[in-house]
Amino acid sequence: KRLGVNDRVATLVDAGRLDVRVHLSNRQFGRLV
C-alpha cells in the first residue's frame, strides 16, 4: 500500500497504562472524601 505523509497506520494502546474510569454521583463522591 502507498502511504502519504501522516496517513494512519494503526492505533496503539499502552498495555502498561490501563485505567478504570468510574462515574460517581455527588452523594457517592461525598462518601469517599
PDB file of all heavy atoms in Angstrom:
ATOM      1  N   LYS A   1       0.838  -1.198   0.000  1.00  0.00           N
ATOM      2  CA  LYS A   1       0.000   0.000   0.000  1.00  0.00           C
ATOM      3  C   LYS A   1       0.872   1.245   0.000  1.00  0.00           C
ATOM      4  O   LYS A   1       1.905   1.290   0.643  1.00  0.00           O
ATOM      5  CB  LYS A   1      -0.912   0.009   1.221  1.00  0.00           C
ATOM      6  CG  LYS A   1      -1.850   1.192   1.270  1.00  0.00           C
ATOM      7  CD  LYS A   1      -2.778   1.104   2.468  1.00  0.00           C
ATOM      8  CE  LYS A   1      -3.721   2.293   2.511  1.00  0.00           C
ATOM      9  NZ  LYS A   1      -4.667   2.216   3.656  1.00  0.00           N
ATOM     10  N   ARG A   2       0.432   2.268  -0.750  1.00  0.00           N
ATOM     11  CA  ARG A   2       1.164   3.524  -0.763  1.00  0.00           C
ATOM     12  C   ARG A   2       0.592   4.434   0.326  1.00  0.00           C
ATOM     13  O   ARG A   2      -0.609   4.691   0.369  1.00  0.00           O
ATOM     14  CB  ARG A   2       1.077   4.216  -2.118  1.00  0.00           C
ATOM     15  CG  ARG A   2       1.857   5.528  -2.162  1.00  0.00           C
ATOM     16  CD  ARG A   2       1.903   6.150  -3.537  1.00  0.00           C
ATOM     17  NE  ARG A   2       2.722   7.344  -3.532  1.00  0.00           N
ATOM     18  CZ  ARG A   2       4.045   7.364  -3.617  1.00  0.00           C
ATOM     19  NH1 ARG A   2       4.703   6.218  -3.727  1.00  0.00           N
ATOM     20  NH2 ARG A   2       4.720   8.497  -3.597  1.00  0.00           N
ATOM     21  N   LEU A   3       1.470   4.911   1.171  1.00  0.00           N
ATOM     22  CA  LEU A   3       1.066   5.786   2.264  1.00  0.00           C
ATOM     23  C   LEU A   3       1.535   7.197   2.001  1.00  0.00           C
ATOM     24  O   LEU A   3       2.644   7.416   1.500  1.00  0.00           O
ATOM     25  CB  LEU A   3       1.650   5.295   3.593  1.00  0.00           C
ATOM     26  CG  LEU A   3       1.209   3.917   4.092  1.00  0.00           C
ATOM     27  CD1 LEU A   3       1.952   3.557   5.363  1.00  0.00           C
ATOM     28  CD2 LEU A   3      -0.293   3.892   4.328  1.00  0.00           C
ATOM     29  N   GLY A   4       0.693   8.157   2.326  1.00  0.00           N
ATOM     30  CA  GLY A   4       1.081   9.553   2.292  1.00  0.00           C
ATOM     31  C   GLY A   4       1.571   9.987   3.652  1.00  0.00           C
ATOM     32  O   GLY A   4       1.416   9.281   4.655  1.00  0.00           O
ATOM     33  N   VAL A   5       2.174  11.167   3.704  1.00  0.00           N
ATOM     34  CA  VAL A   5       2.648  11.688   4.975  1.00  0.00           C
ATOM     35  C   VAL A   5       1.460  11.874   5.919  1.00  0.00           C
ATOM     36  O   VAL A   5       0.432  12.418   5.545  1.00  0.00           O
ATOM     37  CB  VAL A   5       3.393  13.016   4.773  1.00  0.00           C
ATOM     38  CG1 VAL A   5       3.830  13.595   6.110  1.00  0.00           C
ATOM     39  CG2 VAL A   5       4.593  12.817   3.867  1.00  0.00           C
ATOM     40  N   ASN A   6       1.582  11.352   7.126  1.00  0.00           N
ATOM     41  CA  ASN A   6       0.574  11.454   8.181  1.00  0.00           C
ATOM     42  C   ASN A   6      -0.624  10.526   7.968  1.00  0.00           C
ATOM     43  O   ASN A   6      -1.626  10.651   8.672  1.00  0.00           O
ATOM     44  CB  ASN A   6       0.076  12.898   8.339  1.00  0.00           C
ATOM     45  CG  ASN A   6      -0.368  13.198   9.748  1.00  0.00           C
ATOM     46  OD1 ASN A   6       0.201  12.676  10.712  1.00  0.00           O
ATOM     47  ND2 ASN A   6      -1.401  14.007   9.898  1.00  0.00           N
ATOM     48  N   ASP A   7      -0.532   9.582   7.028  1.00  0.00           N
ATOM     49  CA  ASP A   7      -1.590   8.569   6.903  1.00  0.00           C
ATOM     50  C   ASP A   7      -1.531   7.634   8.113  1.00  0.00           C
ATOM     51  O   ASP A   7      -0.453   7.264   8.582  1.00  0.00           O
ATOM     52  CB  ASP A   7      -1.412   7.756   5.620  1.00  0.00           C
ATOM     53  CG  ASP A   7      -1.945   8.504   4.405  1.00  0.00           C
ATOM     54  OD1 ASP A   7      -2.512   9.601   4.598  1.00  0.00           O
ATOM     55  OD2 ASP A   7      -1.785   7.999   3.277  1.00  0.00           O
ATOM     56  N   ARG A   8      -2.722   7.252   8.621  1.00  0.00           N
ATOM     57  CA  ARG A   8      -2.782   6.400   9.807  1.00  0.00           C
ATOM     58  C   ARG A   8      -2.379   4.966   9.464  1.00  0.00           C
ATOM     59  O   ARG A   8      -2.834   4.387   8.489  1.00  0.00           O
ATOM     60  CB  ARG A   8      -4.192   6.420  10.414  1.00  0.00           C
ATOM     61  CG  ARG A   8      -4.326   5.605  11.678  1.00  0.00           C
ATOM     62  CD  ARG A   8      -5.629   5.947  12.399  1.00  0.00           C
ATOM     63  NE  ARG A   8      -6.769   5.784  11.531  1.00  0.00           N
ATOM     64  CZ  ARG A   8      -7.392   4.617  11.310  1.00  0.00           C
ATOM     65  NH1 ARG A   8      -6.953   3.526  11.906  1.00  0.00           N
ATOM     66  NH2 ARG A   8      -8.428   4.545  10.508  1.00  0.00           N
ATOM     67  N   VAL A   9      -1.526   4.404  10.307  1.00  0.00           N
ATOM     68  CA  VAL A   9      -1.107   3.010  10.176  1.00  0.00           C
ATOM     69  C   VAL A   9      -1.931   2.124  11.108  1.00  0.00           C
ATOM     70  O   VAL A   9      -2.495   1.117  10.700  1.00  0.00           O
ATOM     71  CB  VAL A   9       0.404   2.861  10.479  1.00  0.00           C
ATOM     72  CG1 VAL A   9       0.813   1.393  10.482  1.00  0.00           C
ATOM     73  CG2 VAL A   9       1.222   3.652   9.472  1.00  0.00           C
ATOM     74  N   ALA A  10      -2.008   2.488  12.392  1.00  0.00           N
ATOM     75  CA  ALA A  10      -2.770   1.736  13.391  1.00  0.00           C
ATOM     76  C   ALA A  10      -2.835   2.591  14.653  1.00  0.00           C
ATOM     77  O   ALA A  10      -2.164   3.618  14.771  1.00  0.00           O
ATOM     78  CB  ALA A  10      -2.136   0.379  13.680  1.00  0.00           C
ATOM     79  N   THR A  11      -3.649   2.145  15.601  1.00  0.00           N
ATOM     80  CA  THR A  11      -3.726   2.786  16.910  1.00  0.00           C
ATOM     81  C   THR A  11      -3.125   1.844  17.939  1.00  0.00           C
ATOM     82  O   THR A  11      -3.461   0.661  17.976  1.00  0.00           O
ATOM     83  CB  THR A  11      -5.177   3.122  17.277  1.00  0.00           C
ATOM     84  OG1 THR A  11      -5.716   4.000  16.284  1.00  0.00           O
ATOM     85  CG2 THR A  11      -5.240   3.812  18.631  1.00  0.00           C
ATOM     86  N   LEU A  12      -2.227   2.380  18.775  1.00  0.00           N
ATOM     87  CA  LEU A  12      -1.508   1.583  19.762  1.00  0.00           C
ATOM     88  C   LEU A  12      -1.975   1.960  21.163  1.00  0.00           C
ATOM     89  O   LEU A  12      -1.948   3.127  21.543  1.00  0.00           O
ATOM     90  CB  LEU A  12       0.000   1.812  19.625  1.00  0.00           C
ATOM     91  CG  LEU A  12       0.903   1.103  20.635  1.00  0.00           C
ATOM     92  CD1 LEU A  12       0.823  -0.410  20.449  1.00  0.00           C
ATOM     93  CD2 LEU A  12       2.349   1.582  20.489  1.00  0.00           C
ATOM     94  N   VAL A  13      -2.407   0.950  21.924  1.00  0.00           N
ATOM     95  CA  VAL A  13      -2.834   1.134  23.320  1.00  0.00           C
ATOM     96  C   VAL A  13      -1.716   0.634  24.225  1.00  0.00           C
ATOM     97  O   VAL A  13      -1.244  -0.500  24.070  1.00  0.00           O
ATOM     98  CB  VAL A  13      -4.138   0.368  23.601  1.00  0.00           C
ATOM     99  CG1 VAL A  13      -4.524   0.487  25.068  1.00  0.00           C
ATOM    100  CG2 VAL A  13      -5.261   0.878  22.714  1.00  0.00           C
ATOM    101  N   ASP A  14      -1.300   1.467  25.154  1.00  0.00           N
ATOM    102  CA  ASP A  14      -0.233   1.099  26.086  1.00  0.00           C
ATOM    103  C   ASP A  14      -0.744   0.018  27.040  1.00  0.00           C
ATOM    104  O   ASP A  14      -1.676   0.249  27.816  1.00  0.00           O
ATOM    105  CB  ASP A  14       0.214   2.328  26.870  1.00  0.00           C
ATOM    106  CG  ASP A  14       1.475   2.069  27.684  1.00  0.00           C
ATOM    107  OD1 ASP A  14       1.868   0.891  27.811  1.00  0.00           O
ATOM    108  OD2 ASP A  14       2.061   3.038  28.186  1.00  0.00           O
ATOM    109  N   ALA A  15      -0.123  -1.167  26.982  1.00  0.00           N
ATOM    110  CA  ALA A  15      -0.564  -2.281  27.837  1.00  0.00           C
ATOM    111  C   ALA A  15      -0.241  -2.042  29.296  1.00  0.00           C
ATOM    112  O   ALA A  15      -0.886  -2.613  30.179  1.00  0.00           O
ATOM    113  CB  ALA A  15       0.096  -3.583  27.365  1.00  0.00           C
ATOM    114  N   GLY A  16       0.740  -1.215  29.573  1.00  0.00           N
ATOM    115  CA  GLY A  16       1.131  -0.971  30.953  1.00  0.00           C
ATOM    116  C   GLY A  16       0.430   0.205  31.590  1.00  0.00           C
ATOM    117  O   GLY A  16       0.714   0.541  32.740  1.00  0.00           O
ATOM    118  N   ARG A  17      -0.490   0.844  30.862  1.00  0.00           N
ATOM    119  CA  ARG A  17      -1.189   2.011  31.404  1.00  0.00           C
ATOM    120  C   ARG A  17      -2.684   1.902  31.104  1.00  0.00           C
ATOM    121  O   ARG A  17      -3.233   2.649  30.310  1.00  0.00           O
ATOM    122  CB  ARG A  17      -0.629   3.305  30.816  1.00  0.00           C
ATOM    123  CG  ARG A  17       0.793   3.595  31.240  1.00  0.00           C
ATOM    124  CD  ARG A  17       1.235   4.983  30.809  1.00  0.00           C
ATOM    125  NE  ARG A  17       0.427   6.026  31.428  1.00  0.00           N
ATOM    126  CZ  ARG A  17       0.642   7.327  31.228  1.00  0.00           C
ATOM    127  NH1 ARG A  17       1.628   7.732  30.454  1.00  0.00           N
ATOM    128  NH2 ARG A  17      -0.126   8.218  31.814  1.00  0.00           N
ATOM    129  N   LEU A  18      -3.325   0.928  31.773  1.00  0.00           N
ATOM    130  CA  LEU A  18      -4.774   0.784  31.677  1.00  0.00           C
ATOM    131  C   LEU A  18      -5.402   1.416  32.913  1.00  0.00           C
ATOM    132  O   LEU A  18      -4.961   1.187  34.039  1.00  0.00           O
ATOM    133  CB  LEU A  18      -5.171  -0.692  31.569  1.00  0.00           C
ATOM    134  CG  LEU A  18      -4.743  -1.414  30.292  1.00  0.00           C
ATOM    135  CD1 LEU A  18      -5.194  -2.864  30.327  1.00  0.00           C
ATOM    136  CD2 LEU A  18      -5.306  -0.719  29.058  1.00  0.00           C
ATOM    137  N   ASP A  19      -6.433   2.215  32.696  1.00  0.00           N
ATOM    138  CA  ASP A  19      -7.126   2.899  33.783  1.00  0.00           C
ATOM    139  C   ASP A  19      -8.548   2.383  33.905  1.00  0.00           C
ATOM    140  O   ASP A  19      -9.130   1.876  32.934  1.00  0.00           O
ATOM    141  CB  ASP A  19      -7.168   4.411  33.538  1.00  0.00           C
ATOM    142  CG  ASP A  19      -5.793   5.050  33.615  1.00  0.00           C
ATOM    143  OD1 ASP A  19      -4.873   4.387  34.142  1.00  0.00           O
ATOM    144  OD2 ASP A  19      -5.639   6.185  33.159  1.00  0.00           O
ATOM    145  N   VAL A  20      -9.107   2.540  35.103  1.00  0.00           N
ATOM    146  CA  VAL A  20     -10.522   2.288  35.342  1.00  0.00           C
ATOM    147  C   VAL A  20     -11.197   3.635  35.519  1.00  0.00           C
ATOM    148  O   VAL A  20     -10.801   4.425  36.378  1.00  0.00           O
ATOM    149  CB  VAL A  20     -10.750   1.411  36.587  1.00  0.00           C
ATOM    150  CG1 VAL A  20     -12.236   1.252  36.856  1.00  0.00           C
ATOM    151  CG2 VAL A  20     -10.117   0.052  36.397  1.00  0.00           C
ATOM    152  N   ARG A  21     -12.203   3.893  34.678  1.00  0.00           N
ATOM    153  CA  ARG A  21     -12.946   5.150  34.777  1.00  0.00           C
ATOM    154  C   ARG A  21     -14.281   4.875  35.459  1.00  0.00           C
ATOM    155  O   ARG A  21     -15.057   4.029  35.020  1.00  0.00           O
ATOM    156  CB  ARG A  21     -13.182   5.753  33.400  1.00  0.00           C
ATOM    157  CG  ARG A  21     -13.941   7.081  33.428  1.00  0.00           C
ATOM    158  CD  ARG A  21     -14.038   7.656  32.032  1.00  0.00           C
ATOM    159  NE  ARG A  21     -14.765   6.764  31.147  1.00  0.00           N
ATOM    160  CZ  ARG A  21     -14.718   6.830  29.818  1.00  0.00           C
ATOM    161  NH1 ARG A  21     -13.956   7.732  29.237  1.00  0.00           N
ATOM    162  NH2 ARG A  21     -15.405   5.992  29.075  1.00  0.00           N
ATOM    163  N   VAL A  22     -14.533   5.595  36.547  1.00  0.00           N
ATOM    164  CA  VAL A  22     -15.742   5.416  37.348  1.00  0.00           C
ATOM    165  C   VAL A  22     -16.484   6.736  37.411  1.00  0.00           C
ATOM    166  O   VAL A  22     -15.876   7.776  37.699  1.00  0.00           O
ATOM    167  CB  VAL A  22     -15.400   4.936  38.776  1.00  0.00           C
ATOM    168  CG1 VAL A  22     -16.667   4.785  39.594  1.00  0.00           C
ATOM    169  CG2 VAL A  22     -14.637   3.617  38.724  1.00  0.00           C
ATOM    170  N   HIS A  23     -17.785   6.697  37.130  1.00  0.00           N
ATOM    171  CA  HIS A  23     -18.610   7.898  37.263  1.00  0.00           C
ATOM    172  C   HIS A  23     -19.317   7.851  38.610  1.00  0.00           C
ATOM    173  O   HIS A  23     -20.058   6.918  38.905  1.00  0.00           O
ATOM    174  CB  HIS A  23     -19.626   7.989  36.136  1.00  0.00           C
ATOM    175  CG  HIS A  23     -20.457   9.240  36.194  1.00  0.00           C
ATOM    176  ND1 HIS A  23     -20.009  10.445  35.706  1.00  0.00           N
ATOM    177  CD2 HIS A  23     -21.691   9.467  36.721  1.00  0.00           C
ATOM    178  CE1 HIS A  23     -20.924  11.360  35.916  1.00  0.00           C
ATOM    179  NE2 HIS A  23     -21.957  10.794  36.530  1.00  0.00           N
ATOM    180  N   LEU A  24     -19.060   8.859  39.432  1.00  0.00           N
ATOM    181  CA  LEU A  24     -19.625   8.918  40.771  1.00  0.00           C
ATOM    182  C   LEU A  24     -20.651  10.040  40.857  1.00  0.00           C
ATOM    183  O   LEU A  24     -20.430  11.131  40.316  1.00  0.00           O
ATOM    184  CB  LEU A  24     -18.519   9.173  41.804  1.00  0.00           C
ATOM    185  CG  LEU A  24     -17.411   8.125  41.889  1.00  0.00           C
ATOM    186  CD1 LEU A  24     -16.329   8.601  42.839  1.00  0.00           C
ATOM    187  CD2 LEU A  24     -17.958   6.782  42.336  1.00  0.00           C
ATOM    188  N   SER A  25     -21.746   9.764  41.526  1.00  0.00           N
ATOM    189  CA  SER A  25     -22.715  10.813  41.795  1.00  0.00           C
ATOM    190  C   SER A  25     -22.184  11.735  42.888  1.00  0.00           C
ATOM    191  O   SER A  25     -21.174  11.433  43.537  1.00  0.00           O
ATOM    192  CB  SER A  25     -24.052  10.207  42.227  1.00  0.00           C
ATOM    193  OG  SER A  25     -23.903   9.550  43.482  1.00  0.00           O
ATOM    194  N   ASN A  26     -22.879  12.837  43.082  1.00  0.00           N
ATOM    195  CA  ASN A  26     -22.452  13.790  44.107  1.00  0.00           C
ATOM    196  C   ASN A  26     -22.455  13.137  45.489  1.00  0.00           C
ATOM    197  O   ASN A  26     -21.554  13.347  46.300  1.00  0.00           O
ATOM    198  CB  ASN A  26     -23.380  15.003  44.079  1.00  0.00           C
ATOM    199  CG  ASN A  26     -22.845  16.135  44.931  1.00  0.00           C
ATOM    200  OD1 ASN A  26     -21.647  16.383  44.968  1.00  0.00           O
ATOM    201  ND2 ASN A  26     -23.729  16.818  45.640  1.00  0.00           N
ATOM    202  N   ARG A  27     -23.472  12.298  45.747  1.00  0.00           N
ATOM    203  CA  ARG A  27     -23.576  11.623  47.045  1.00  0.00           C
ATOM    204  C   ARG A  27     -22.456  10.596  47.218  1.00  0.00           C
ATOM    205  O   ARG A  27     -21.840  10.496  48.283  1.00  0.00           O
ATOM    206  CB  ARG A  27     -24.937  10.953  47.157  1.00  0.00           C
ATOM    207  CG  ARG A  27     -25.171  10.196  48.454  1.00  0.00           C
ATOM    208  CD  ARG A  27     -26.609   9.709  48.540  1.00  0.00           C
ATOM    209  NE  ARG A  27     -26.811   8.886  49.715  1.00  0.00           N
ATOM    210  CZ  ARG A  27     -26.621   7.573  49.747  1.00  0.00           C
ATOM    211  NH1 ARG A  27     -26.229   6.942  48.644  1.00  0.00           N
ATOM    212  NH2 ARG A  27     -26.820   6.885  50.857  1.00  0.00           N
ATOM    213  N   GLN A  28     -22.174   9.831  46.169  1.00  0.00           N
ATOM    214  CA  GLN A  28     -21.109   8.833  46.248  1.00  0.00           C
ATOM    215  C   GLN A  28     -19.750   9.494  46.429  1.00  0.00           C
ATOM    216  O   GLN A  28     -18.909   9.012  47.199  1.00  0.00           O
ATOM    217  CB  GLN A  28     -21.112   7.967  44.989  1.00  0.00           C
ATOM    218  CG  GLN A  28     -22.311   7.038  44.886  1.00  0.00           C
ATOM    219  CD  GLN A  28     -22.368   6.348  43.543  1.00  0.00           C
ATOM    220  OE1 GLN A  28     -21.951   6.910  42.521  1.00  0.00           O
ATOM    221  NE2 GLN A  28     -22.902   5.135  43.530  1.00  0.00           N
ATOM    222  N   PHE A  29     -19.528  10.588  45.725  1.00  0.00           N
ATOM    223  CA  PHE A  29     -18.247  11.287  45.851  1.00  0.00           C
ATOM    224  C   PHE A  29     -18.067  11.822  47.269  1.00  0.00           C
ATOM    225  O   PHE A  29     -16.960  11.797  47.825  1.00  0.00           O
ATOM    226  CB  PHE A  29     -18.179  12.426  44.837  1.00  0.00           C
ATOM    227  CG  PHE A  29     -16.843  13.090  44.758  1.00  0.00           C
ATOM    228  CD1 PHE A  29     -15.726  12.400  44.313  1.00  0.00           C
ATOM    229  CD2 PHE A  29     -16.676  14.410  45.133  1.00  0.00           C
ATOM    230  CE1 PHE A  29     -14.484  13.000  44.246  1.00  0.00           C
ATOM    231  CE2 PHE A  29     -15.440  15.031  45.072  1.00  0.00           C
ATOM    232  CZ  PHE A  29     -14.351  14.313  44.622  1.00  0.00           C
ATOM    233  N   GLY A  30     -19.156  12.285  47.877  1.00  0.00           N
ATOM    234  CA  GLY A  30     -19.082  12.770  49.245  1.00  0.00           C
ATOM    235  C   GLY A  30     -18.754  11.675  50.235  1.00  0.00           C
ATOM    236  O   GLY A  30     -18.167  11.942  51.290  1.00  0.00           O
ATOM    237  N   ARG A  31     -19.122  10.414  49.921  1.00  0.00           N
ATOM    238  CA  ARG A  31     -18.801   9.303  50.813  1.00  0.00           C
ATOM    239  C   ARG A  31     -17.337   8.899  50.720  1.00  0.00           C
ATOM    240  O   ARG A  31     -16.841   8.158  51.567  1.00  0.00           O
ATOM    241  CB  ARG A  31     -19.681   8.101  50.475  1.00  0.00           C
ATOM    242  CG  ARG A  31     -21.151   8.288  50.815  1.00  0.00           C
ATOM    243  CD  ARG A  31     -21.973   7.096  50.381  1.00  0.00           C
ATOM    244  NE  ARG A  31     -21.504   5.867  51.018  1.00  0.00           N
ATOM    245  CZ  ARG A  31     -21.998   4.660  50.735  1.00  0.00           C
ATOM    246  NH1 ARG A  31     -22.969   4.531  49.854  1.00  0.00           N
ATOM    247  NH2 ARG A  31     -21.513   3.598  51.347  1.00  0.00           N
ATOM    248  N   LEU A  32     -16.628   9.379  49.704  1.00  0.00           N
ATOM    249  CA  LEU A  32     -15.228   8.981  49.522  1.00  0.00           C
ATOM    250  C   LEU A  32     -14.249   9.975  50.116  1.00  0.00           C
ATOM    251  O   LEU A  32     -13.158   9.598  50.548  1.00  0.00           O
ATOM    252  CB  LEU A  32     -14.923   8.822  48.028  1.00  0.00           C
ATOM    253  CG  LEU A  32     -15.623   7.673  47.293  1.00  0.00           C
ATOM    254  CD1 LEU A  32     -15.232   7.690  45.837  1.00  0.00           C
ATOM    255  CD2 LEU A  32     -15.285   6.338  47.920  1.00  0.00           C
ATOM    256  N   VAL A  33     -14.588  11.246  50.113  1.00  0.00           N
ATOM    257  CA  VAL A  33     -13.624  12.254  50.529  1.00  0.00           C
ATOM    258  C   VAL A  33     -14.004  12.817  51.879  1.00  0.00           C
ATOM    259  O   VAL A  33     -15.175  12.984  52.200  1.00  0.00           O
ATOM    260  CB  VAL A  33     -13.539  13.401  49.484  1.00  0.00           C
ATOM    261  CG1 VAL A  33     -12.999  12.882  48.186  1.00  0.00           C
ATOM    262  CG2 VAL A  33     -14.902  14.044  49.248  1.00  0.00           C
TER     263      VAL A  33
END
